[in-house]
Amino acid sequence: MTAEWFAKGPWPHFENDEIAAVTAVLRSGKVNYWTGEECRAFEREYAQATQRRHAVALANGTLALELALMAFGIGEGDGSSPPAAPMWPRRAAR
């Protein structure tokens, strides 16, 4: 991490354009996937930036882990070898 990163203050820190973008969405009232376009636009832009056909935005890491397990067909009763240092999202994913 650079000195510039630390100079911005404690994490998380947000740039003015990021704050303005979130404020615009909140003021629009279109704050979910069904009424707004921001999430779908983010998914398209992220997929393009990572050179993938698709991207899926999720609310948190627990949901991301659950989706990954489902995508690989891993379910209840399947064995796994988690790292020695457990993390809450991994434990919560079923």
N, C-alpha and C. Protein backbone atom coordinates (compact mmCIF):
# COMPACT_ATOMS: atom_id res chain seq x y z
N MET A 1 0.84 -1.18 0.00
CA MET A 1 0.00 0.00 0.00
C MET A 1 0.88 1.24 0.00
N THR A 2 0.41 2.22 -0.68
CA THR A 2 1.20 3.44 -0.83
C THR A 2 0.90 4.44 0.28
N ALA A 3 1.81 5.41 0.42
CA ALA A 3 1.60 6.49 1.40
C ALA A 3 0.35 7.28 1.04
N GLU A 4 0.07 7.41 -0.25
CA GLU A 4 -1.14 8.13 -0.69
C GLU A 4 -2.40 7.44 -0.17
N TRP A 5 -2.40 6.10 -0.20
CA TRP A 5 -3.55 5.35 0.28
C TRP A 5 -3.77 5.62 1.76
N PHE A 6 -2.70 5.59 2.56
CA PHE A 6 -2.82 5.83 3.99
C PHE A 6 -3.20 7.27 4.30
N ALA A 7 -2.81 8.19 3.45
CA ALA A 7 -3.09 9.61 3.68
C ALA A 7 -4.58 9.92 3.59
N LYS A 8 -5.36 9.04 2.95
CA LYS A 8 -6.79 9.27 2.79
C LYS A 8 -7.56 9.04 4.08
N GLY A 9 -6.93 8.48 5.08
CA GLY A 9 -7.60 8.27 6.35
C GLY A 9 -8.02 6.84 6.53
N PRO A 10 -8.77 6.59 7.60
CA PRO A 10 -9.16 5.21 7.91
C PRO A 10 -10.06 4.61 6.84
N TRP A 11 -9.97 3.29 6.74
CA TRP A 11 -10.79 2.56 5.78
C TRP A 11 -12.15 2.33 6.39
N PRO A 12 -13.24 2.34 5.67
CA PRO A 12 -13.27 2.64 4.24
C PRO A 12 -13.31 4.14 4.00
N HIS A 13 -12.76 4.55 2.91
CA HIS A 13 -12.86 5.95 2.51
C HIS A 13 -13.42 6.00 1.09
N PHE A 14 -14.15 7.05 0.81
CA PHE A 14 -14.84 7.15 -0.47
C PHE A 14 -14.49 8.47 -1.13
N GLU A 15 -14.34 8.42 -2.43
CA GLU A 15 -14.09 9.63 -3.22
C GLU A 15 -15.41 10.37 -3.42
N ASN A 16 -15.31 11.65 -3.72
CA ASN A 16 -16.51 12.48 -3.90
C ASN A 16 -17.41 11.96 -5.02
N ASP A 17 -16.82 11.46 -6.12
CA ASP A 17 -17.65 10.96 -7.21
C ASP A 17 -18.40 9.69 -6.80
N GLU A 18 -17.80 8.88 -5.93
CA GLU A 18 -18.49 7.68 -5.44
C GLU A 18 -19.67 8.07 -4.54
N ILE A 19 -19.46 9.04 -3.69
CA ILE A 19 -20.53 9.52 -2.81
C ILE A 19 -21.66 10.12 -3.64
N ALA A 20 -21.31 10.88 -4.67
CA ALA A 20 -22.33 11.50 -5.53
C ALA A 20 -23.14 10.43 -6.28
N ALA A 21 -22.48 9.37 -6.74
CA ALA A 21 -23.18 8.31 -7.47
C ALA A 21 -24.18 7.59 -6.56
N VAL A 22 -23.77 7.29 -5.34
CA VAL A 22 -24.67 6.61 -4.40
C VAL A 22 -25.82 7.54 -4.02
N THR A 23 -25.52 8.79 -3.79
CA THR A 23 -26.56 9.77 -3.45
C THR A 23 -27.60 9.87 -4.57
N ALA A 24 -27.14 9.88 -5.82
CA ALA A 24 -28.06 9.97 -6.96
C ALA A 24 -29.00 8.77 -7.00
N VAL A 25 -28.48 7.58 -6.73
CA VAL A 25 -29.32 6.38 -6.73
C VAL A 25 -30.34 6.46 -5.60
N LEU A 26 -29.88 6.84 -4.40
CA LEU A 26 -30.81 6.94 -3.27
C LEU A 26 -31.90 7.97 -3.53
N ARG A 27 -31.53 9.11 -4.09
CA ARG A 27 -32.53 10.14 -4.37
C ARG A 27 -33.51 9.72 -5.46
N SER A 28 -33.09 8.86 -6.37
CA SER A 28 -33.97 8.42 -7.45
C SER A 28 -35.07 7.50 -6.94
N GLY A 29 -34.83 6.85 -5.80
CA GLY A 29 -35.78 5.87 -5.29
C GLY A 29 -35.69 4.53 -5.98
N LYS A 30 -34.85 4.42 -6.98
CA LYS A 30 -34.68 3.17 -7.74
C LYS A 30 -33.47 2.42 -7.17
N VAL A 31 -33.68 1.85 -5.99
CA VAL A 31 -32.55 1.32 -5.24
C VAL A 31 -32.41 -0.20 -5.30
N ASN A 32 -33.23 -0.86 -6.09
CA ASN A 32 -33.07 -2.31 -6.17
C ASN A 32 -32.94 -2.75 -7.62
N TYR A 33 -32.69 -4.03 -7.79
CA TYR A 33 -32.41 -4.59 -9.11
C TYR A 33 -33.58 -4.47 -10.07
N TRP A 34 -34.80 -4.45 -9.53
CA TRP A 34 -35.99 -4.44 -10.39
C TRP A 34 -36.40 -3.05 -10.83
N THR A 35 -36.11 -2.04 -10.04
CA THR A 35 -36.54 -0.69 -10.40
C THR A 35 -35.42 0.16 -10.96
N GLY A 36 -34.19 -0.20 -10.70
CA GLY A 36 -33.06 0.61 -11.15
C GLY A 36 -32.21 -0.11 -12.18
N GLU A 37 -31.28 0.62 -12.75
CA GLU A 37 -30.42 0.08 -13.79
C GLU A 37 -28.96 0.00 -13.33
N GLU A 38 -28.64 0.60 -12.19
CA GLU A 38 -27.24 0.70 -11.75
C GLU A 38 -26.57 -0.66 -11.59
N CYS A 39 -27.25 -1.61 -10.97
CA CYS A 39 -26.64 -2.92 -10.74
C CYS A 39 -26.37 -3.65 -12.05
N ARG A 40 -27.35 -3.64 -12.95
CA ARG A 40 -27.13 -4.29 -14.25
C ARG A 40 -26.02 -3.61 -15.03
N ALA A 41 -25.95 -2.28 -14.95
CA ALA A 41 -24.87 -1.55 -15.63
C ALA A 41 -23.52 -1.94 -15.03
N PHE A 42 -23.46 -2.04 -13.70
CA PHE A 42 -22.21 -2.45 -13.04
C PHE A 42 -21.80 -3.85 -13.50
N GLU A 43 -22.75 -4.78 -13.55
CA GLU A 43 -22.43 -6.14 -13.98
C GLU A 43 -21.89 -6.16 -15.40
N ARG A 44 -22.53 -5.41 -16.29
CA ARG A 44 -22.04 -5.35 -17.68
C ARG A 44 -20.63 -4.77 -17.75
N GLU A 45 -20.41 -3.66 -17.06
CA GLU A 45 -19.09 -3.01 -17.08
C GLU A 45 -18.02 -3.89 -16.45
N TYR A 46 -18.36 -4.57 -15.37
CA TYR A 46 -17.39 -5.44 -14.71
C TYR A 46 -17.05 -6.63 -15.59
N ALA A 47 -18.06 -7.22 -16.23
CA ALA A 47 -17.80 -8.34 -17.14
C ALA A 47 -16.89 -7.90 -18.28
N GLN A 48 -17.15 -6.72 -18.81
CA GLN A 48 -16.31 -6.21 -19.90
C GLN A 48 -14.89 -5.95 -19.41
N ALA A 49 -14.75 -5.34 -18.24
CA ALA A 49 -13.43 -5.02 -17.70
C ALA A 49 -12.61 -6.27 -17.39
N THR A 50 -13.29 -7.36 -17.03
CA THR A 50 -12.59 -8.61 -16.71
C THR A 50 -12.60 -9.59 -17.87
N GLN A 51 -13.08 -9.12 -19.01
CA GLN A 51 -13.12 -9.90 -20.24
C GLN A 51 -13.88 -11.22 -20.06
N ARG A 52 -15.06 -11.10 -19.43
CA ARG A 52 -15.94 -12.24 -19.24
C ARG A 52 -17.28 -11.95 -19.90
N ARG A 53 -18.03 -12.99 -20.21
CA ARG A 53 -19.35 -12.79 -20.82
C ARG A 53 -20.36 -12.28 -19.82
N HIS A 54 -20.22 -12.70 -18.55
CA HIS A 54 -21.21 -12.36 -17.53
C HIS A 54 -20.52 -11.99 -16.23
N ALA A 55 -21.22 -11.23 -15.42
CA ALA A 55 -20.82 -10.95 -14.04
C ALA A 55 -22.09 -10.86 -13.21
N VAL A 56 -22.01 -11.27 -11.96
CA VAL A 56 -23.16 -11.22 -11.07
C VAL A 56 -22.77 -10.46 -9.82
N ALA A 57 -23.48 -9.39 -9.53
CA ALA A 57 -23.25 -8.61 -8.31
C ALA A 57 -24.09 -9.21 -7.19
N LEU A 58 -23.47 -9.40 -6.05
CA LEU A 58 -24.17 -9.95 -4.89
C LEU A 58 -24.02 -9.01 -3.71
N ALA A 59 -24.87 -9.20 -2.71
CA ALA A 59 -24.90 -8.30 -1.57
C ALA A 59 -23.71 -8.47 -0.63
N ASN A 60 -23.13 -9.68 -0.57
CA ASN A 60 -22.05 -9.91 0.37
C ASN A 60 -21.27 -11.18 0.02
N GLY A 61 -20.20 -11.40 0.76
CA GLY A 61 -19.35 -12.56 0.51
C GLY A 61 -20.01 -13.89 0.82
N THR A 62 -20.90 -13.91 1.80
CA THR A 62 -21.60 -15.15 2.13
C THR A 62 -22.43 -15.62 0.94
N LEU A 63 -23.16 -14.71 0.33
CA LEU A 63 -23.95 -15.07 -0.85
C LEU A 63 -23.04 -15.51 -2.00
N ALA A 64 -21.89 -14.87 -2.15
CA ALA A 64 -20.95 -15.26 -3.20
C ALA A 64 -20.46 -16.68 -2.99
N LEU A 65 -20.14 -17.02 -1.74
CA LEU A 65 -19.70 -18.39 -1.45
C LEU A 65 -20.82 -19.39 -1.69
N GLU A 66 -22.03 -19.07 -1.28
CA GLU A 66 -23.17 -19.97 -1.52
C GLU A 66 -23.39 -20.19 -3.01
N LEU A 67 -23.31 -19.13 -3.80
CA LEU A 67 -23.49 -19.25 -5.25
C LEU A 67 -22.38 -20.10 -5.86
N ALA A 68 -21.15 -19.91 -5.41
CA ALA A 68 -20.03 -20.71 -5.92
C ALA A 68 -20.23 -22.19 -5.60
N LEU A 69 -20.67 -22.48 -4.38
CA LEU A 69 -20.92 -23.88 -4.01
C LEU A 69 -22.01 -24.48 -4.88
N MET A 70 -23.09 -23.73 -5.10
CA MET A 70 -24.18 -24.21 -5.95
C MET A 70 -23.69 -24.44 -7.38
N ALA A 71 -22.88 -23.51 -7.90
CA ALA A 71 -22.39 -23.61 -9.28
C ALA A 71 -21.56 -24.87 -9.48
N PHE A 72 -20.85 -25.29 -8.45
CA PHE A 72 -20.02 -26.49 -8.55
C PHE A 72 -20.74 -27.75 -8.08
N GLY A 73 -22.02 -27.60 -7.75
CA GLY A 73 -22.80 -28.76 -7.34
C GLY A 73 -22.43 -29.29 -5.97
N ILE A 74 -21.84 -28.44 -5.14
CA ILE A 74 -21.45 -28.85 -3.79
C ILE A 74 -22.60 -28.54 -2.85
N GLY A 75 -23.01 -29.54 -2.09
CA GLY A 75 -24.16 -29.35 -1.20
C GLY A 75 -23.98 -30.06 0.12
N GLU A 76 -25.07 -30.14 0.86
CA GLU A 76 -25.06 -30.78 2.17
C GLU A 76 -24.57 -32.21 2.04
N GLY A 77 -23.67 -32.59 2.92
CA GLY A 77 -23.12 -33.94 2.91
C GLY A 77 -21.84 -34.07 2.11
N ASP A 78 -21.51 -33.10 1.28
CA ASP A 78 -20.25 -33.13 0.54
C ASP A 78 -19.12 -32.70 1.46
N GLY A 79 -17.99 -33.33 1.32
CA GLY A 79 -16.84 -32.98 2.14
C GLY A 79 -16.13 -31.74 1.61
N SER A 80 -15.45 -31.06 2.51
CA SER A 80 -14.65 -29.90 2.10
C SER A 80 -13.46 -29.79 3.03
N SER A 81 -12.44 -29.10 2.59
CA SER A 81 -11.23 -28.91 3.38
C SER A 81 -10.97 -27.41 3.51
N PRO A 82 -11.64 -26.76 4.48
CA PRO A 82 -11.44 -25.32 4.64
C PRO A 82 -10.09 -25.02 5.26
N PRO A 83 -9.60 -23.79 5.09
CA PRO A 83 -8.33 -23.41 5.71
C PRO A 83 -8.44 -23.47 7.24
N ALA A 84 -7.32 -23.50 7.91
CA ALA A 84 -7.30 -23.61 9.37
C ALA A 84 -7.88 -22.39 10.06
N ALA A 85 -7.79 -21.23 9.45
CA ALA A 85 -8.31 -20.00 10.06
C ALA A 85 -9.72 -19.75 9.53
N PRO A 86 -10.76 -20.14 10.29
CA PRO A 86 -12.13 -20.00 9.79
C PRO A 86 -12.57 -18.54 9.69
N MET A 87 -13.45 -18.29 8.78
CA MET A 87 -14.04 -16.96 8.60
C MET A 87 -15.55 -17.12 8.67
N TRP A 88 -16.24 -16.15 9.21
CA TRP A 88 -17.69 -16.22 9.37
C TRP A 88 -18.43 -16.45 8.05
N PRO A 89 -18.15 -15.71 6.96
CA PRO A 89 -18.93 -15.94 5.72
C PRO A 89 -18.83 -17.37 5.21
N ARG A 90 -17.66 -17.95 5.30
CA ARG A 90 -17.51 -19.31 4.82
C ARG A 90 -18.34 -20.27 5.68
N ARG A 91 -18.37 -20.03 6.97
CA ARG A 91 -19.14 -20.90 7.87
C ARG A 91 -20.62 -20.72 7.65
N ALA A 92 -21.05 -19.51 7.28
CA ALA A 92 -22.47 -19.24 7.10
C ALA A 92 -22.99 -19.78 5.77
N ALA A 93 -22.12 -19.91 4.77
CA ALA A 93 -22.54 -20.41 3.46
C ALA A 93 -22.92 -21.88 3.60
N ARG A 94 -24.07 -22.22 3.07
CA ARG A 94 -24.53 -23.61 3.18
C ARG A 94 -24.76 -24.19 1.82
